[in-house]
Structures are given as C-alpha cells and as structure tokens.
C-alpha atoms as a PDB file:
ATOM      1  CA  UNK A   1     161.699  55.097 147.869  1.00  0.00           C
ATOM      2  CA  UNK A   2     164.442  55.497 145.319  1.00  0.00           C
ATOM      3  CA  UNK A   3     164.714  58.296 142.810  1.00  0.00           C
ATOM      4  CA  UNK A   4     164.424  57.726 139.110  1.00  0.00           C
ATOM      5  CA  UNK A   5     167.322  58.552 136.848  1.00  0.00           C
ATOM      6  CA  UNK A   6     167.086  61.165 134.125  1.00  0.00           C
ATOM      7  CA  UNK A   7     166.724  58.502 131.412  1.00  0.00           C
ATOM      8  CA  UNK A   8     164.087  56.559 133.367  1.00  0.00           C
ATOM      9  CA  UNK A   9     162.043  59.723 133.838  1.00  0.00           C
ATOM     10  CA  UNK A  10     162.096  60.509 130.126  1.00  0.00           C
ATOM     11  CA  UNK A  11     161.278  56.891 129.305  1.00  0.00           C
ATOM     12  CA  UNK A  12     158.188  57.121 131.550  1.00  0.00           C
ATOM     13  CA  UNK A  13     157.121  60.347 129.816  1.00  0.00           C
ATOM     14  CA  UNK A  14     157.589  58.790 126.363  1.00  0.00           C
ATOM     15  CA  UNK A  15     155.589  55.709 127.382  1.00  0.00           C
ATOM     16  CA  UNK A  16     152.771  57.948 128.625  1.00  0.00           C
ATOM     17  CA  UNK A  17     152.817  59.889 125.346  1.00  0.00           C
ATOM     18  CA  UNK A  18     152.775  56.659 123.346  1.00  0.00           C
ATOM     19  CA  UNK A  19     149.895  55.241 125.405  1.00  0.00           C
ATOM     20  CA  UNK A  20     147.877  58.409 124.899  1.00  0.00           C
ATOM     21  CA  UNK A  21     148.665  58.797 121.205  1.00  0.00           C
ATOM     22  CA  UNK A  22     147.648  55.228 120.377  1.00  0.00           C
ATOM     23  CA  UNK A  23     144.090  55.924 121.542  1.00  0.00           C
ATOM     24  CA  UNK A  24     143.977  59.328 119.878  1.00  0.00           C
ATOM     25  CA  UNK A  25     145.051  57.907 116.516  1.00  0.00           C
ATOM     26  CA  UNK A  26     142.570  55.043 116.875  1.00  0.00           C
ATOM     27  CA  UNK A  27     139.839  57.580 117.654  1.00  0.00           C
ATOM     28  CA  UNK A  28     140.647  59.655 114.593  1.00  0.00           C
ATOM     29  CA  UNK A  29     140.693  56.591 112.351  1.00  0.00           C
ATOM     30  CA  UNK A  30     137.400  55.231 113.727  1.00  0.00           C
ATOM     31  CA  UNK A  31     135.571  58.561 113.936  1.00  0.00           C
ATOM     32  CA  UNK A  32     134.947  58.743 110.210  1.00  0.00           C
ATOM     33  CA  UNK A  33     133.421  55.247 110.209  1.00  0.00           C
ATOM     34  CA  UNK A  34     130.964  55.771 113.083  1.00  0.00           C
ATOM     35  CA  UNK A  35     127.772  57.743 112.314  1.00  0.00           C
ATOM     36  CA  UNK A  36     127.440  60.811 114.551  1.00  0.00           C
ATOM     37  CA  UNK A  37     123.782  60.096 115.350  1.00  0.00           C
ATOM     38  CA  UNK A  38     124.203  56.347 115.796  1.00  0.00           C
ATOM     39  CA  UNK A  39     123.824  54.315 118.981  1.00  0.00           C
ATOM     40  CA  UNK A  40     127.582  53.961 119.486  1.00  0.00           C
ATOM     41  CA  UNK A  41     128.116  57.726 119.601  1.00  0.00           C
ATOM     42  CA  UNK A  42     125.075  58.043 121.861  1.00  0.00           C
ATOM     43  CA  UNK A  43     126.689  55.583 124.250  1.00  0.00           C
ATOM     44  CA  UNK A  44     130.053  57.393 124.065  1.00  0.00           C
ATOM     45  CA  UNK A  45     128.374  60.733 124.854  1.00  0.00           C
ATOM     46  CA  UNK A  46     126.461  59.170 127.735  1.00  0.00           C
ATOM     47  CA  UNK A  47     129.649  57.713 129.218  1.00  0.00           C
ATOM     48  CA  UNK A  48     131.469  61.040 128.826  1.00  0.00           C
ATOM     49  CA  UNK A  49     128.717  62.908 130.680  1.00  0.00           C
ATOM     50  CA  UNK A  50     128.624  60.203 133.357  1.00  0.00           C
ATOM     51  CA  UNK A  51     132.386  60.442 133.924  1.00  0.00           C
ATOM     52  CA  UNK A  52     132.246  64.232 134.224  1.00  0.00           C
ATOM     53  CA  UNK A  53     129.324  63.979 136.655  1.00  0.00           C
ATOM     54  CA  UNK A  54     131.147  61.368 138.733  1.00  0.00           C
ATOM     55  CA  UNK A  55     134.320  63.449 138.999  1.00  0.00           C
ATOM     56  CA  UNK A  56     132.379  66.587 139.909  1.00  0.00           C
ATOM     57  CA  UNK A  57     130.369  64.717 142.535  1.00  0.00           C
ATOM     58  CA  UNK A  58     133.570  63.285 143.995  1.00  0.00           C
ATOM     59  CA  UNK A  59     135.050  66.777 144.219  1.00  0.00           C
ATOM     60  CA  UNK A  60     131.787  68.053 145.723  1.00  0.00           C
ATOM     61  CA  UNK A  61     131.502  65.350 148.418  1.00  0.00           C
ATOM     62  CA  UNK A  62     135.203  64.718 149.146  1.00  0.00           C
ATOM     63  CA  UNK A  63     137.027  67.947 148.269  1.00  0.00           C
ATOM     64  CA  UNK A  64     140.740  68.565 148.650  1.00  0.00           C
ATOM     65  CA  UNK A  65     142.687  71.772 149.059  1.00  0.00           C
ATOM     66  CA  UNK A  66     140.934  75.001 149.979  1.00  0.00           C
ATOM     67  CA  UNK A  67     137.477  73.600 149.226  1.00  0.00           C
ATOM     68  CA  UNK A  68     138.041  70.993 151.958  1.00  0.00           C
ATOM     69  CA  UNK A  69     137.948  73.795 154.547  1.00  0.00           C
ATOM     70  CA  UNK A  70     134.240  74.363 153.827  1.00  0.00           C
ATOM     71  CA  UNK A  71     131.353  72.278 155.147  1.00  0.00           C
ATOM     72  CA  UNK A  72     129.157  70.085 152.979  1.00  0.00           C
ATOM     73  CA  UNK A  73     126.044  72.119 153.790  1.00  0.00           C
ATOM     74  CA  UNK A  74     127.768  75.288 152.527  1.00  0.00           C
ATOM     75  CA  UNK A  75     128.577  73.578 149.242  1.00  0.00           C
ATOM     76  CA  UNK A  76     125.010  72.230 148.988  1.00  0.00           C
ATOM     77  CA  UNK A  77     123.599  75.751 149.433  1.00  0.00           C
ATOM     78  CA  UNK A  78     125.754  77.066 146.582  1.00  0.00           C
ATOM     79  CA  UNK A  79     124.846  74.142 144.337  1.00  0.00           C
ATOM     80  CA  UNK A  80     121.135  74.430 145.091  1.00  0.00           C
ATOM     81  CA  UNK A  81     121.105  78.183 144.433  1.00  0.00           C
ATOM     82  CA  UNK A  82     122.932  77.745 141.124  1.00  0.00           C
ATOM     83  CA  UNK A  83     120.668  74.917 139.971  1.00  0.00           C
ATOM     84  CA  UNK A  84     117.526  76.776 141.005  1.00  0.00           C
ATOM     85  CA  UNK A  85     118.627  79.847 139.060  1.00  0.00           C
ATOM     86  CA  UNK A  86     119.477  77.658 136.056  1.00  0.00           C
ATOM     87  CA  UNK A  87     115.988  76.132 136.063  1.00  0.00           C
ATOM     88  CA  UNK A  88     114.355  79.561 136.423  1.00  0.00           C
ATOM     89  CA  UNK A  89     116.386  81.630 133.946  1.00  0.00           C
ATOM     90  CA  UNK A  90     118.210  79.104 131.708  1.00  0.00           C
ATOM     91  CA  UNK A  91     121.232  81.466 131.729  1.00  0.00           C
ATOM     92  CA  UNK A  92     124.584  79.944 132.638  1.00  0.00           C
ATOM     93  CA  UNK A  93     126.447  83.102 133.684  1.00  0.00           C
ATOM     94  CA  UNK A  94     123.623  84.252 135.948  1.00  0.00           C
ATOM     95  CA  UNK A  95     123.379  80.779 137.473  1.00  0.00           C
ATOM     96  CA  UNK A  96     127.117  80.627 138.127  1.00  0.00           C
ATOM     97  CA  UNK A  97     127.054  84.070 139.713  1.00  0.00           C
ATOM     98  CA  UNK A  98     124.093  83.121 141.899  1.00  0.00           C
ATOM     99  CA  UNK A  99     125.648  79.815 142.981  1.00  0.00           C
ATOM    100  CA  UNK A 100     129.038  81.336 143.795  1.00  0.00           C
ATOM    101  CA  UNK A 101     127.364  84.217 145.643  1.00  0.00           C
ATOM    102  CA  UNK A 102     125.204  81.860 147.691  1.00  0.00           C
ATOM    103  CA  UNK A 103     128.260  79.716 148.458  1.00  0.00           C
ATOM    104  CA  UNK A 104     130.224  82.797 149.597  1.00  0.00           C
ATOM    105  CA  UNK A 105     127.315  83.975 151.753  1.00  0.00           C
ATOM    106  CA  UNK A 106     126.954  80.498 153.260  1.00  0.00           C
ATOM    107  CA  UNK A 107     130.651  80.507 154.182  1.00  0.00           C
ATOM    108  CA  UNK A 108     130.306  83.888 155.865  1.00  0.00           C
ATOM    109  CA  UNK A 109     127.004  83.245 157.658  1.00  0.00           C
ATOM    110  CA  UNK A 110     127.211  79.561 158.635  1.00  0.00           C
END
C-alpha cells in the first residue's frame, strides 16, 4: 500500500467536502418547496429513523471496541431494563439511568 502525497490528501478532502456540500445545498433549495406535513417529508423522516435504528442495532449485535468485551445477554438485559422503564415512566433520563445500571450490574453478576 503506497502513501498519498500531501496534495493528493488535500484533494481527497476537498472532493469529500464538495460531495457533501452539493447535497446540503440541494436540501436547502428543495426544503422550502416541500410541505413539512406532506408524504415526501413523512417518507424522509421514516427513512431517517430506520437508518438510526439499523446503525444502533448493528452496534448492539456486533459491537466493536470496549463494548465487544461484553456478552450479548448483558447488553440485552440493559436494553430491556431501559425500555421497560421508558414504557412505565415515559422519562428519558430515568430510563437511561436504569438501563445503564442494569447493564453494569449484568456485567458484574454474569
């Protein structure tokens, strides 16, 4: 594998910026023309939530780094405790605290 030169590295960064900015500018220009409550925005929101859910599930099932040192059942216990508390109380902070606490206890006890 050969190293990139200084100019090639900056060219790659500029191409990435250009590729990102094209879509951002297009989004800004189209956003004023699309009704916020219309079916297109509903679809965009649905796809955004689906992508976030997919990434989180991937991290949950196939973790990397420090999280990879834990077992799946330990992660499931933390998730279940957090979701159960969310359904009972409808409070995010309390649910996060409960889920993290259950996950920590599962690591220590299992």
